[in-house]
Amino acid sequence: MAGLHGGVSAAGPQLIRAMNEQVLLDHIRRSGPLSRAELARISGLSKPTVSLALANIERSGLVHATGQRTGVPGPAAILYEVRPEAGFVLGLDIGSEFLRGAVADLAGNIRSRRSLRIKAAKAMTRVEELADLAKTLLDEVGIAASKLTQTVLGSPGVYDPKRDALALTGRYSDWGSPSVLAALRDEFGATLMIENDIDAAALAERAHGHGRDVDSFAFISVGTGIGMGLVIDGKLHRGSHGVAGEISYLPFAEGRGSDARDARKRGSFDASASAAAIVRAAKRAGVRGASSAEKVFAAAAAGDRVAAEIVSEEALLVAKAACTVIAVADPELIVLGGGIGQAPGFIDLVVDNLRELAPVLPDVKASVLGADSVVGGCIVAGLDEAWQRATAAIPAPAAHE
């Protein structure tokens, strides 16, 4: 083993101090309010070390004393929790029909939430609509944009930091233009972070949904578009190019709704199994009033045999995609989201097919998070980033301390 002079050095006092503060902040953030004694017990740090570290992070404004623990033996213990006003996070979602947004404080409390129907047909005008939504949200909270610690935008497509570009934006074909990215940064500043919308929904599922109870799961969204967020060992897996989960490009060009031209734009699986594909399949098969996937599902539920066949075909396609994920990643859980994935009875059809196809059958559940899941995931991602920034900025204690 190499000695200290052979390339390995002991951690310096500043690093140890920062690590101790990070440990305490993580516990307070996730389990607070907590007393000094409780922090010492769950962190394994000595009480004097906890007192010194806690004094510094309290001085930084990230936590504050919030009351006393009573009703237990001994003197009342002062409790510490996150100071909510220490920072704010803005989460935004560009949906297929709606823009959605929310502002949360650093403790994770939602201070304002809104949605509005998209009016813009062009990308640059959608940026303006996002900016207007953000201003409305901030006005409701009563803070200026300069008070935001982090802004996260849930967006179609994949942000490639190496090229500093958005790609694979699907139905928003003009969204990948470099001018759009520049306009977003002009509007939202240096704190802007772009997260794939389905990855964001998976983060929300991890924090607030079925994913809370497992270490690995796949969130598969089937609706206007198709995508997946994959969580492995508790962390979102993006892949080396950021395209992990882009299952719309799985080479499943089958089903009555498949369309070669659509496949070239958005991927074979999207062109075969998205809402548009279901409508195409229903119209080709002669289903009356098949103007939306919702109406096709309703017709199937009402006893239309042909519509029911199309729904069954859709369930088989989704099961094939899920089987691919199971065979490659073996998650503990599959969560279905999106308008189609959460349709009544659809999950049972998918599971019936998986029993025949998959090497093992994990739990399969429908998401219960609803339309705000992408915004919720953006808030989760924004809070994590905001905490990293805030803790890195904690000043060192004065020399006499």
Protein backbone atom coordinates (compact mmCIF):
# COMPACT_ATOMS: atom_id res chain seq x y z
CA MET A 1 0.00 0.00 0.00
CA ALA A 2 1.31 3.43 -0.89
CA GLY A 3 2.06 5.76 2.00
CA LEU A 4 0.82 9.31 2.26
CA HIS A 5 3.84 10.48 0.30
CA GLY A 6 3.16 7.98 -2.49
CA GLY A 7 0.31 9.91 -4.08
CA VAL A 8 -2.41 9.55 -1.41
CA SER A 9 -3.02 12.50 0.88
CA ALA A 10 -5.23 12.96 3.90
CA ALA A 11 -8.30 15.11 3.45
CA GLY A 12 -7.66 18.69 4.52
CA PRO A 13 -9.68 20.48 7.19
CA GLN A 14 -11.69 22.48 4.64
CA LEU A 15 -12.70 19.33 2.72
CA ILE A 16 -13.68 17.53 5.92
CA ARG A 17 -15.69 20.57 7.02
CA ALA A 18 -17.50 20.73 3.68
CA MET A 19 -18.23 17.00 3.77
CA ASN A 20 -19.67 17.25 7.29
CA GLU A 21 -21.87 20.18 6.28
CA GLN A 22 -23.09 18.30 3.21
CA VAL A 23 -24.01 15.27 5.33
CA LEU A 24 -26.00 17.39 7.79
CA LEU A 25 -27.74 19.34 5.05
CA ASP A 26 -28.79 16.15 3.28
CA HIS A 27 -30.31 14.79 6.49
CA ILE A 28 -32.12 18.04 7.29
CA ARG A 29 -33.39 18.38 3.74
CA ARG A 30 -34.76 14.84 3.54
CA SER A 31 -35.81 14.16 7.15
CA GLY A 32 -36.08 17.49 9.00
CA PRO A 33 -36.89 19.11 11.31
CA LEU A 34 -34.08 17.54 13.35
CA SER A 35 -32.28 18.40 16.60
CA ARG A 36 -28.51 18.50 17.08
CA ALA A 37 -28.64 15.25 19.02
CA GLU A 38 -30.66 13.55 16.28
CA LEU A 39 -28.26 14.80 13.63
CA ALA A 40 -25.30 13.46 15.62
CA ARG A 41 -26.97 10.08 15.99
CA ILE A 42 -28.03 9.57 12.35
CA SER A 43 -24.86 11.08 10.84
CA GLY A 44 -22.35 9.37 13.15
CA LEU A 45 -20.61 12.70 13.76
CA SER A 46 -19.72 13.88 17.25
CA LYS A 47 -21.94 16.45 18.93
CA PRO A 48 -19.22 19.16 18.90
CA THR A 49 -18.64 18.53 15.17
CA VAL A 50 -22.38 18.78 14.50
CA SER A 51 -22.58 22.02 16.49
CA LEU A 52 -19.73 23.65 14.55
CA ALA A 53 -21.03 22.55 11.14
CA LEU A 54 -24.61 23.45 11.97
CA ALA A 55 -23.60 26.93 13.13
CA ASN A 56 -21.90 27.56 9.80
CA ILE A 57 -24.74 26.36 7.59
CA GLU A 58 -27.25 28.25 9.75
CA ARG A 59 -25.14 31.39 9.26
CA SER A 60 -25.21 30.78 5.50
CA GLY A 61 -29.01 31.07 5.55
CA LEU A 62 -29.79 27.57 4.28
CA VAL A 63 -31.32 26.29 7.53
CA HIS A 64 -32.91 27.90 10.57
CA ALA A 65 -34.19 27.00 13.99
CA THR A 66 -37.88 26.24 13.71
CA GLY A 67 -38.99 25.36 17.23
CA GLN A 68 -38.36 22.89 19.99
CA ARG A 69 -38.97 19.19 20.48
CA THR A 70 -41.06 18.72 23.59
CA GLY A 71 -42.72 15.78 25.30
CA VAL A 72 -39.49 13.77 25.63
CA PRO A 73 -37.17 13.37 28.65
CA GLY A 74 -34.55 16.07 29.19
CA PRO A 75 -34.46 19.72 28.13
CA ALA A 76 -36.39 20.79 25.02
CA ALA A 77 -34.24 20.36 21.91
CA ILE A 78 -33.99 23.08 19.24
CA LEU A 79 -35.08 21.78 15.84
CA TYR A 80 -33.52 22.78 12.52
CA GLU A 81 -35.09 22.71 9.06
CA VAL A 82 -34.46 24.11 5.60
CA ARG A 83 -35.17 27.83 5.34
CA PRO A 84 -37.65 27.83 2.44
CA GLU A 85 -36.81 31.34 1.24
CA ALA A 86 -33.15 30.43 0.81
CA GLY A 87 -33.85 29.74 -2.85
CA PHE A 88 -36.50 29.17 -5.51
CA VAL A 89 -36.82 26.77 -8.44
CA LEU A 90 -38.85 27.27 -11.61
CA GLY A 91 -40.03 24.17 -13.49
CA LEU A 92 -41.55 24.40 -16.99
CA ASP A 93 -43.01 21.79 -19.35
CA ILE A 94 -43.63 22.08 -23.09
CA GLY A 95 -46.46 19.62 -23.68
CA SER A 96 -48.21 18.74 -26.90
CA GLU A 97 -51.17 21.01 -26.12
CA PHE A 98 -50.30 22.84 -22.90
CA LEU A 99 -47.46 24.75 -21.31
CA ARG A 100 -47.23 23.97 -17.61
CA GLY A 101 -45.13 25.51 -14.88
CA ALA A 102 -44.56 25.75 -11.14
CA VAL A 103 -42.35 27.58 -8.67
CA ALA A 104 -41.08 25.82 -5.54
CA ASP A 105 -39.04 27.09 -2.63
CA LEU A 106 -35.85 25.38 -1.48
CA ALA A 107 -37.81 23.20 0.94
CA GLY A 108 -39.76 21.80 -2.01
CA ASN A 109 -43.04 23.58 -1.26
CA ILE A 110 -44.95 24.51 -4.43
CA ARG A 111 -45.65 28.25 -4.22
CA SER A 112 -47.40 28.67 -7.57
CA ARG A 113 -48.64 26.40 -10.36
CA ARG A 114 -50.29 27.16 -13.71
CA SER A 115 -50.99 25.75 -17.15
CA LEU A 116 -52.08 27.37 -20.38
CA ARG A 117 -53.04 26.09 -23.79
CA ILE A 118 -50.34 26.50 -26.43
CA LYS A 119 -51.28 29.08 -29.04
CA ALA A 120 -47.98 29.39 -30.88
CA ALA A 121 -47.27 27.41 -34.03
CA LYS A 122 -43.61 28.46 -34.26
CA ALA A 123 -40.76 27.72 -31.88
CA MET A 124 -39.70 31.30 -31.18
CA THR A 125 -43.26 32.25 -30.26
CA ARG A 126 -43.42 29.25 -27.90
CA VAL A 127 -40.35 30.65 -26.16
CA GLU A 128 -42.26 33.91 -25.66
CA GLU A 129 -45.23 32.01 -24.24
CA LEU A 130 -42.93 30.18 -21.83
CA ALA A 131 -41.46 33.51 -20.71
CA ASP A 132 -44.95 34.92 -20.14
CA LEU A 133 -45.94 31.86 -18.10
CA ALA A 134 -42.77 32.16 -16.01
CA LYS A 135 -43.45 35.85 -15.32
CA THR A 136 -47.01 35.05 -14.19
CA LEU A 137 -45.75 32.35 -11.84
CA LEU A 138 -43.08 34.60 -10.33
CA ASP A 139 -45.55 37.46 -9.91
CA GLU A 140 -47.88 35.14 -8.00
CA VAL A 141 -45.06 34.16 -5.65
CA GLY A 142 -43.93 37.78 -5.35
CA ILE A 143 -40.29 37.30 -6.35
CA ALA A 144 -38.12 38.64 -9.15
CA ALA A 145 -36.46 36.39 -11.72
CA SER A 146 -33.12 37.28 -10.11
CA LYS A 147 -34.22 35.37 -6.99
CA LEU A 148 -34.44 32.08 -8.88
CA THR A 149 -31.73 29.61 -7.93
CA GLN A 150 -32.49 27.23 -10.78
CA THR A 151 -34.75 26.97 -13.83
CA VAL A 152 -35.45 23.58 -15.43
CA LEU A 153 -37.27 23.15 -18.72
CA GLY A 154 -38.82 19.78 -19.54
CA SER A 155 -38.51 19.59 -23.30
CA PRO A 156 -39.03 17.13 -26.13
CA GLY A 157 -35.74 15.84 -27.45
CA VAL A 158 -32.26 15.41 -26.06
CA TYR A 159 -29.81 18.11 -25.05
CA ASP A 160 -26.27 17.25 -26.14
CA PRO A 161 -23.80 19.27 -24.02
CA LYS A 162 -20.89 18.34 -26.28
CA ARG A 163 -22.53 20.03 -29.26
CA ASP A 164 -24.58 22.43 -27.13
CA ALA A 165 -27.64 21.52 -29.16
CA LEU A 166 -31.11 20.02 -28.93
CA ALA A 167 -31.79 17.00 -31.11
CA LEU A 168 -34.53 14.40 -31.69
CA THR A 169 -37.26 16.90 -30.89
CA GLY A 170 -39.97 14.83 -32.60
CA ARG A 171 -43.14 16.70 -33.47
CA TYR A 172 -41.52 20.04 -32.66
CA SER A 173 -39.28 19.88 -35.70
CA ASP A 174 -38.20 23.53 -35.39
CA TRP A 175 -37.39 23.22 -31.69
CA GLY A 176 -33.86 21.96 -32.39
CA SER A 177 -32.79 25.20 -34.08
CA PRO A 178 -29.72 26.86 -32.46
CA SER A 179 -31.66 30.12 -32.37
CA VAL A 180 -34.26 28.53 -30.06
CA LEU A 181 -31.62 27.52 -27.53
CA ALA A 182 -30.12 31.01 -27.68
CA ALA A 183 -33.56 32.58 -27.16
CA LEU A 184 -34.27 30.32 -24.16
CA ARG A 185 -31.01 31.36 -22.55
CA ASP A 186 -31.74 35.02 -23.22
CA GLU A 187 -35.10 34.65 -21.48
CA PHE A 188 -34.11 32.45 -18.55
CA GLY A 189 -30.44 33.21 -17.99
CA ALA A 190 -27.53 31.16 -16.75
CA THR A 191 -29.56 29.02 -14.38
CA LEU A 192 -31.47 27.34 -17.25
CA MET A 193 -31.16 23.55 -17.37
CA ILE A 194 -32.90 21.47 -20.07
CA GLU A 195 -34.22 18.03 -19.17
CA ASN A 196 -35.88 15.55 -21.51
CA ASP A 197 -39.58 15.64 -20.66
CA ILE A 198 -39.98 11.88 -20.16
CA ASP A 199 -36.82 11.73 -18.06
CA ALA A 200 -38.33 14.49 -15.95
CA ALA A 201 -41.53 12.47 -15.54
CA ALA A 202 -39.40 9.53 -14.41
CA LEU A 203 -37.74 11.76 -11.79
CA ALA A 204 -41.20 12.73 -10.53
CA GLU A 205 -42.14 9.05 -10.40
CA ARG A 206 -38.97 8.39 -8.40
CA ALA A 207 -39.73 11.17 -5.92
CA HIS A 208 -43.52 11.03 -5.63
CA GLY A 209 -44.89 7.95 -7.37
CA HIS A 210 -44.46 4.20 -7.58
CA GLY A 211 -40.69 4.58 -8.03
CA ARG A 212 -40.23 5.63 -4.40
CA ASP A 213 -40.18 2.01 -3.27
CA VAL A 214 -37.68 0.51 -5.74
CA ASP A 215 -34.08 1.07 -6.82
CA SER A 216 -34.66 0.43 -10.53
CA PHE A 217 -37.65 1.03 -12.76
CA ALA A 218 -38.60 2.05 -16.29
CA PHE A 219 -41.17 4.78 -16.85
CA ILE A 220 -42.72 4.23 -20.29
CA SER A 221 -44.89 7.06 -21.58
CA VAL A 222 -47.27 6.31 -24.45
CA GLY A 223 -49.40 9.12 -25.77
CA THR A 224 -48.94 11.85 -28.37
CA GLY A 225 -45.33 10.70 -28.40
CA ILE A 226 -43.47 7.76 -26.94
CA GLY A 227 -40.50 7.78 -24.60
CA MET A 228 -38.94 6.18 -21.57
CA GLY A 229 -37.05 7.25 -18.46
CA LEU A 230 -34.83 4.56 -16.95
CA VAL A 231 -33.79 4.69 -13.29
CA ILE A 232 -31.00 2.29 -12.27
CA ASP A 233 -29.68 2.06 -8.71
CA GLY A 234 -31.76 5.09 -7.78
CA LYS A 235 -30.31 7.33 -10.50
CA LEU A 236 -31.64 8.41 -13.87
CA HIS A 237 -29.68 6.70 -16.65
CA ARG A 238 -29.10 9.00 -19.61
CA GLY A 239 -26.47 7.06 -21.57
CA SER A 240 -23.27 8.35 -23.15
CA HIS A 241 -25.14 10.42 -25.78
CA GLY A 242 -28.19 11.29 -23.70
CA VAL A 243 -30.51 9.06 -25.76
CA ALA A 244 -31.15 6.31 -23.22
CA GLY A 245 -34.91 5.85 -23.24
CA GLU A 246 -35.54 7.07 -26.78
CA ILE A 247 -37.65 3.97 -27.46
CA SER A 248 -39.54 5.71 -30.24
CA TYR A 249 -36.60 4.54 -32.35
CA LEU A 250 -37.01 0.85 -31.56
CA PRO A 251 -37.28 -0.95 -34.94
CA PHE A 252 -40.88 -2.12 -34.50
CA ALA A 253 -42.48 -1.04 -37.78
CA GLU A 254 -45.67 -3.07 -37.51
CA GLY A 255 -49.34 -2.68 -36.76
CA ARG A 256 -52.09 -1.24 -38.90
CA GLY A 257 -51.17 2.32 -37.97
CA SER A 258 -47.54 2.20 -39.03
CA ASP A 259 -46.40 4.93 -41.43
CA ALA A 260 -43.02 4.97 -43.18
CA ARG A 261 -42.85 8.75 -43.59
CA ASP A 262 -43.71 9.31 -39.94
CA ALA A 263 -41.08 6.72 -38.97
CA ARG A 264 -38.35 8.67 -40.75
CA LYS A 265 -39.23 11.76 -38.70
CA ARG A 266 -39.90 10.28 -35.28
CA GLY A 267 -38.82 6.65 -35.24
CA SER A 268 -40.44 3.35 -36.21
CA PHE A 269 -42.01 2.57 -32.86
CA ASP A 270 -43.50 6.04 -32.50
CA ALA A 271 -44.97 5.74 -35.99
CA SER A 272 -46.51 2.39 -35.08
CA ALA A 273 -47.75 2.92 -31.52
CA SER A 274 -48.29 6.62 -30.76
CA ALA A 275 -51.73 8.23 -30.58
CA ALA A 276 -51.47 9.25 -34.23
CA ALA A 277 -50.76 5.64 -35.20
CA ILE A 278 -53.84 4.43 -33.32
CA VAL A 279 -55.99 6.96 -35.18
CA ARG A 280 -54.48 5.91 -38.51
CA ALA A 281 -55.10 2.25 -37.75
CA ALA A 282 -58.71 2.91 -36.74
CA LYS A 283 -59.46 4.98 -39.83
CA ARG A 284 -57.89 2.39 -42.12
CA ALA A 285 -60.01 -0.28 -40.45
CA GLY A 286 -63.21 1.73 -40.81
CA VAL A 287 -63.85 2.66 -37.16
CA ARG A 288 -66.37 5.52 -37.13
CA GLY A 289 -65.51 8.77 -35.40
CA ALA A 290 -61.88 7.76 -34.88
CA SER A 291 -60.60 11.32 -34.59
CA SER A 292 -58.46 10.65 -31.51
CA ALA A 293 -56.92 7.73 -29.67
CA GLU A 294 -59.26 8.46 -26.77
CA LYS A 295 -62.28 7.94 -29.04
CA VAL A 296 -60.83 4.68 -30.38
CA PHE A 297 -60.42 3.40 -26.81
CA ALA A 298 -63.95 4.54 -25.99
CA ALA A 299 -65.31 2.68 -29.02
CA ALA A 300 -63.46 -0.46 -27.92
CA ALA A 301 -64.89 -0.14 -24.42
CA ALA A 302 -68.38 0.28 -25.92
CA GLY A 303 -68.09 -3.04 -27.76
CA ASP A 304 -66.70 -2.09 -31.19
CA ARG A 305 -64.87 -5.28 -32.17
CA VAL A 306 -62.53 -3.65 -34.69
CA ALA A 307 -61.59 -0.86 -32.26
CA ALA A 308 -60.92 -3.51 -29.62
CA GLU A 309 -58.57 -5.31 -32.03
CA ILE A 310 -56.65 -2.08 -32.58
CA VAL A 311 -56.35 -1.52 -28.83
CA SER A 312 -55.11 -5.12 -28.47
CA GLU A 313 -52.50 -4.51 -31.19
CA GLU A 314 -51.37 -1.41 -29.32
CA ALA A 315 -51.01 -3.38 -26.09
CA LEU A 316 -48.87 -5.97 -27.89
CA LEU A 317 -46.59 -3.27 -29.30
CA VAL A 318 -46.14 -1.64 -25.88
CA ALA A 319 -45.50 -5.06 -24.33
CA LYS A 320 -42.77 -5.71 -26.93
CA ALA A 321 -41.07 -2.43 -26.01
CA ALA A 322 -41.36 -3.25 -22.31
CA CYS A 323 -39.99 -6.75 -22.95
CA THR A 324 -36.96 -5.23 -24.65
CA VAL A 325 -36.29 -3.10 -21.57
CA ILE A 326 -36.79 -6.08 -19.25
CA ALA A 327 -34.37 -8.24 -21.24
CA VAL A 328 -31.69 -5.53 -21.28
CA ALA A 329 -32.02 -3.76 -17.90
CA ASP A 330 -34.16 -6.12 -15.76
CA PRO A 331 -35.90 -3.35 -13.74
CA GLU A 332 -37.94 -4.16 -10.65
CA LEU A 333 -40.88 -2.16 -11.95
CA ILE A 334 -42.43 -0.90 -15.18
CA VAL A 335 -44.58 2.23 -14.85
CA LEU A 336 -46.87 3.15 -17.72
CA GLY A 337 -47.67 6.82 -18.23
CA GLY A 338 -49.16 9.05 -20.88
CA GLY A 339 -52.75 9.19 -22.09
CA ILE A 340 -52.59 5.72 -23.64
CA GLY A 341 -50.41 4.11 -21.00
CA GLN A 342 -52.81 5.20 -18.26
CA ALA A 343 -56.02 4.40 -20.16
CA PRO A 344 -58.47 2.25 -18.15
CA GLY A 345 -57.84 -1.46 -18.62
CA PHE A 346 -54.85 -0.99 -20.93
CA ILE A 347 -52.28 -2.10 -18.38
CA ASP A 348 -54.03 -5.49 -18.03
CA LEU A 349 -53.70 -6.11 -21.77
CA VAL A 350 -50.00 -5.19 -21.66
CA VAL A 351 -49.36 -7.51 -18.72
CA ASP A 352 -51.18 -10.39 -20.47
CA ASN A 353 -48.79 -10.00 -23.41
CA LEU A 354 -45.75 -9.67 -21.17
CA ARG A 355 -46.54 -13.00 -19.54
CA GLU A 356 -46.07 -14.59 -22.94
CA LEU A 357 -43.09 -12.52 -24.09
CA ALA A 358 -40.83 -11.56 -21.20
CA PRO A 359 -38.19 -13.75 -19.52
CA VAL A 360 -39.43 -12.47 -16.13
CA LEU A 361 -42.43 -10.39 -15.16
CA PRO A 362 -41.66 -7.36 -12.98
CA ASP A 363 -44.38 -5.35 -11.30
CA VAL A 364 -46.28 -3.27 -13.85
CA LYS A 365 -48.25 -0.26 -12.63
CA ALA A 366 -49.98 2.74 -14.16
CA SER A 367 -48.68 6.11 -13.05
CA VAL A 368 -50.95 8.12 -10.77
CA LEU A 369 -49.11 11.43 -11.08
CA GLY A 370 -51.20 12.97 -13.85
CA ALA A 371 -50.53 15.83 -16.23
CA ASP A 372 -48.13 17.72 -13.96
CA SER A 373 -45.58 14.91 -13.73
CA VAL A 374 -43.07 16.59 -16.07
CA VAL A 375 -43.22 19.84 -14.10
CA GLY A 376 -42.88 17.85 -10.89
CA GLY A 377 -39.77 16.14 -12.23
CA CYS A 378 -38.32 19.48 -13.32
CA ILE A 379 -38.78 20.75 -9.77
CA VAL A 380 -37.04 17.62 -8.42
CA ALA A 381 -34.10 18.08 -10.80
CA GLY A 382 -33.97 21.80 -10.06
CA LEU A 383 -33.91 21.31 -6.31
CA ASP A 384 -31.04 18.83 -6.58
CA GLU A 385 -29.05 21.26 -8.71
CA ALA A 386 -29.97 24.20 -6.48
CA TRP A 387 -28.76 22.36 -3.39
CA GLN A 388 -25.46 21.49 -5.04
CA ARG A 389 -24.94 25.15 -5.89
CA ALA A 390 -26.02 26.37 -2.46
CA THR A 391 -23.85 23.98 -0.49
CA ALA A 392 -20.82 24.68 -2.66
CA ALA A 393 -21.23 28.37 -1.86
CA ILE A 394 -21.25 27.99 1.93
CA PRO A 395 -18.42 30.20 3.21
CA ALA A 396 -15.74 28.77 5.46
CA PRO A 397 -16.05 29.64 9.15
CA ALA A 398 -13.94 32.45 10.52
CA ALA A 399 -10.40 31.48 11.53
CA HIS A 400 -11.08 31.76 15.28
CA GLU A 401 -13.83 29.17 14.96
